[in-house]
Amino acid sequence: MANENVGKIKITLEKSVISYDKRVRETVKSLGLGKLHSSAIQATTPDILGKVRRVQHLVAVEEVK
C-alpha cells in the first residue's frame, strides 16, 4: 500500500567514490547511483534519508514534485 504523501528527491552523484571504503561505495550503489553525475529519484523515506546523510559529501539532493 503506497503512501501518497511521501515526497520524492533527486539524488545526483557529484564526487567520485574511488578513495572511499567499501561501506560508502555500497551505500552509493544502494541509492541507485553508479557513474559520476548519475541521478536517481527516490521516495523520502527514513532509510533513504539516512543513506543520503551518510554520503552527503558526495551527492547533491533536490526535491522533485
N, C-alpha and C. Protein backbone atom coordinates (compact mmCIF):
# COMPACT_ATOMS: atom_id res chain seq x y z
N MET A 1 0.84 -1.17 0.00
CA MET A 1 0.00 0.00 0.00
C MET A 1 0.89 1.24 0.00
N ALA A 2 0.89 1.97 -1.07
CA ALA A 2 1.75 3.14 -1.20
C ALA A 2 1.12 4.35 -0.52
N ASN A 3 1.96 5.12 0.13
CA ASN A 3 1.51 6.35 0.79
C ASN A 3 1.65 7.49 -0.20
N GLU A 4 0.57 8.17 -0.50
CA GLU A 4 0.58 9.26 -1.48
C GLU A 4 1.25 10.52 -0.95
N ASN A 5 1.42 10.65 0.36
CA ASN A 5 2.00 11.86 0.95
C ASN A 5 3.53 11.83 0.97
N VAL A 6 4.13 10.72 0.59
CA VAL A 6 5.58 10.62 0.59
C VAL A 6 6.14 11.42 -0.57
N GLY A 7 7.07 12.33 -0.28
CA GLY A 7 7.67 13.14 -1.33
C GLY A 7 8.77 12.38 -2.04
N LYS A 8 9.34 13.01 -3.03
CA LYS A 8 10.42 12.40 -3.80
C LYS A 8 11.59 13.36 -3.85
N ILE A 9 12.80 12.78 -3.90
CA ILE A 9 14.01 13.57 -4.03
C ILE A 9 14.84 13.02 -5.19
N LYS A 10 15.58 13.92 -5.84
CA LYS A 10 16.50 13.53 -6.90
C LYS A 10 17.90 13.60 -6.31
N ILE A 11 18.61 12.48 -6.38
CA ILE A 11 19.95 12.38 -5.82
C ILE A 11 20.93 12.26 -6.99
N THR A 12 21.95 13.10 -7.01
CA THR A 12 22.95 13.10 -8.07
C THR A 12 24.33 12.90 -7.47
N LEU A 13 25.09 11.96 -8.02
CA LEU A 13 26.46 11.71 -7.56
C LEU A 13 27.38 12.78 -8.13
N GLU A 14 27.92 13.62 -7.26
CA GLU A 14 28.74 14.76 -7.68
C GLU A 14 30.24 14.49 -7.57
N LYS A 15 30.65 13.65 -6.63
CA LYS A 15 32.07 13.36 -6.43
C LYS A 15 32.31 11.87 -6.55
N SER A 16 33.53 11.51 -6.89
CA SER A 16 33.89 10.12 -7.09
C SER A 16 34.01 9.37 -5.77
N VAL A 17 33.73 8.08 -5.81
CA VAL A 17 33.81 7.24 -4.61
C VAL A 17 35.11 6.43 -4.59
N ILE A 18 36.06 6.74 -5.46
CA ILE A 18 37.27 5.93 -5.60
C ILE A 18 38.06 5.81 -4.30
N SER A 19 38.28 6.88 -3.59
CA SER A 19 39.15 6.83 -2.42
C SER A 19 38.41 6.48 -1.12
N TYR A 20 37.14 6.10 -1.22
CA TYR A 20 36.35 5.80 -0.04
C TYR A 20 36.24 4.29 0.18
N ASP A 21 35.93 3.91 1.42
CA ASP A 21 35.87 2.49 1.75
C ASP A 21 34.63 1.82 1.18
N LYS A 22 34.57 0.51 1.35
CA LYS A 22 33.53 -0.30 0.75
C LYS A 22 32.13 0.08 1.22
N ARG A 23 31.99 0.46 2.48
CA ARG A 23 30.66 0.83 3.01
C ARG A 23 30.09 2.04 2.30
N VAL A 24 30.92 3.02 2.02
CA VAL A 24 30.46 4.23 1.32
C VAL A 24 30.08 3.88 -0.11
N ARG A 25 30.90 3.08 -0.79
CA ARG A 25 30.60 2.68 -2.17
C ARG A 25 29.30 1.89 -2.25
N GLU A 26 29.06 1.00 -1.29
CA GLU A 26 27.83 0.21 -1.28
C GLU A 26 26.61 1.07 -0.98
N THR A 27 26.77 2.08 -0.13
CA THR A 27 25.67 2.99 0.17
C THR A 27 25.28 3.78 -1.08
N VAL A 28 26.27 4.26 -1.82
CA VAL A 28 26.01 5.00 -3.06
C VAL A 28 25.30 4.08 -4.06
N LYS A 29 25.76 2.86 -4.17
CA LYS A 29 25.14 1.91 -5.10
C LYS A 29 23.70 1.58 -4.70
N SER A 30 23.45 1.48 -3.39
CA SER A 30 22.09 1.16 -2.92
C SER A 30 21.12 2.32 -3.15
N LEU A 31 21.63 3.51 -3.33
CA LEU A 31 20.78 4.65 -3.68
C LEU A 31 20.44 4.68 -5.16
N GLY A 32 21.00 3.76 -5.93
CA GLY A 32 20.72 3.70 -7.36
C GLY A 32 21.67 4.51 -8.20
N LEU A 33 22.83 4.85 -7.63
CA LEU A 33 23.80 5.67 -8.35
C LEU A 33 24.98 4.80 -8.78
N GLY A 34 25.50 5.07 -9.95
CA GLY A 34 26.62 4.30 -10.46
C GLY A 34 27.78 5.20 -10.83
N LYS A 35 27.71 5.74 -12.04
CA LYS A 35 28.78 6.59 -12.53
C LYS A 35 28.64 8.01 -11.99
N LEU A 36 29.69 8.76 -12.14
CA LEU A 36 29.72 10.16 -11.75
C LEU A 36 28.65 10.92 -12.52
N HIS A 37 27.93 11.79 -11.85
CA HIS A 37 26.85 12.62 -12.39
C HIS A 37 25.60 11.82 -12.75
N SER A 38 25.52 10.57 -12.29
CA SER A 38 24.27 9.82 -12.49
C SER A 38 23.26 10.28 -11.44
N SER A 39 21.97 10.13 -11.77
CA SER A 39 20.91 10.59 -10.88
C SER A 39 19.90 9.47 -10.65
N ALA A 40 19.23 9.55 -9.51
CA ALA A 40 18.16 8.62 -9.19
C ALA A 40 17.08 9.38 -8.43
N ILE A 41 15.85 9.02 -8.67
CA ILE A 41 14.73 9.61 -7.94
C ILE A 41 14.25 8.58 -6.93
N GLN A 42 14.23 8.97 -5.66
CA GLN A 42 13.85 8.08 -4.57
C GLN A 42 12.76 8.72 -3.73
N ALA A 43 12.00 7.90 -3.05
CA ALA A 43 11.00 8.40 -2.10
C ALA A 43 11.71 8.88 -0.84
N THR A 44 11.14 9.86 -0.18
CA THR A 44 11.77 10.40 1.04
C THR A 44 11.34 9.58 2.25
N THR A 45 11.88 8.38 2.34
CA THR A 45 11.64 7.52 3.49
C THR A 45 12.80 7.65 4.46
N PRO A 46 12.62 7.28 5.71
CA PRO A 46 13.71 7.42 6.68
C PRO A 46 14.98 6.67 6.29
N ASP A 47 14.86 5.49 5.68
CA ASP A 47 16.07 4.75 5.30
C ASP A 47 16.83 5.44 4.17
N ILE A 48 16.13 5.99 3.20
CA ILE A 48 16.78 6.71 2.10
C ILE A 48 17.44 7.99 2.63
N LEU A 49 16.75 8.72 3.50
CA LEU A 49 17.33 9.94 4.05
C LEU A 49 18.56 9.65 4.90
N GLY A 50 18.57 8.53 5.59
CA GLY A 50 19.74 8.13 6.37
C GLY A 50 20.92 7.82 5.48
N LYS A 51 20.67 7.14 4.37
CA LYS A 51 21.73 6.83 3.42
C LYS A 51 22.28 8.11 2.80
N VAL A 52 21.38 9.04 2.46
CA VAL A 52 21.83 10.31 1.87
C VAL A 52 22.68 11.07 2.86
N ARG A 53 22.29 11.08 4.13
CA ARG A 53 23.08 11.80 5.12
C ARG A 53 24.47 11.18 5.28
N ARG A 54 24.56 9.86 5.14
CA ARG A 54 25.84 9.17 5.28
C ARG A 54 26.81 9.54 4.16
N VAL A 55 26.29 9.84 2.97
CA VAL A 55 27.16 10.19 1.83
C VAL A 55 26.90 11.61 1.34
N GLN A 56 26.48 12.49 2.24
CA GLN A 56 26.12 13.85 1.85
C GLN A 56 27.29 14.64 1.25
N HIS A 57 28.51 14.24 1.53
CA HIS A 57 29.67 14.93 0.98
C HIS A 57 29.93 14.54 -0.48
N LEU A 58 29.21 13.53 -0.99
CA LEU A 58 29.41 13.06 -2.36
C LEU A 58 28.24 13.36 -3.28
N VAL A 59 27.07 13.66 -2.72
CA VAL A 59 25.87 13.77 -3.54
C VAL A 59 25.24 15.16 -3.43
N ALA A 60 24.41 15.47 -4.42
CA ALA A 60 23.57 16.67 -4.39
C ALA A 60 22.12 16.19 -4.37
N VAL A 61 21.29 16.86 -3.56
CA VAL A 61 19.91 16.44 -3.41
C VAL A 61 18.99 17.61 -3.73
N GLU A 62 17.95 17.32 -4.51
CA GLU A 62 16.93 18.32 -4.79
C GLU A 62 15.56 17.67 -4.73
N GLU A 63 14.57 18.45 -4.31
CA GLU A 63 13.21 17.96 -4.17
C GLU A 63 12.52 17.90 -5.53
N VAL A 64 11.78 16.84 -5.77
CA VAL A 64 11.04 16.66 -7.02
C VAL A 64 9.56 16.68 -6.70
N LYS A 65 8.79 17.33 -7.55
CA LYS A 65 7.35 17.40 -7.31
C LYS A 65 6.61 16.40 -8.14
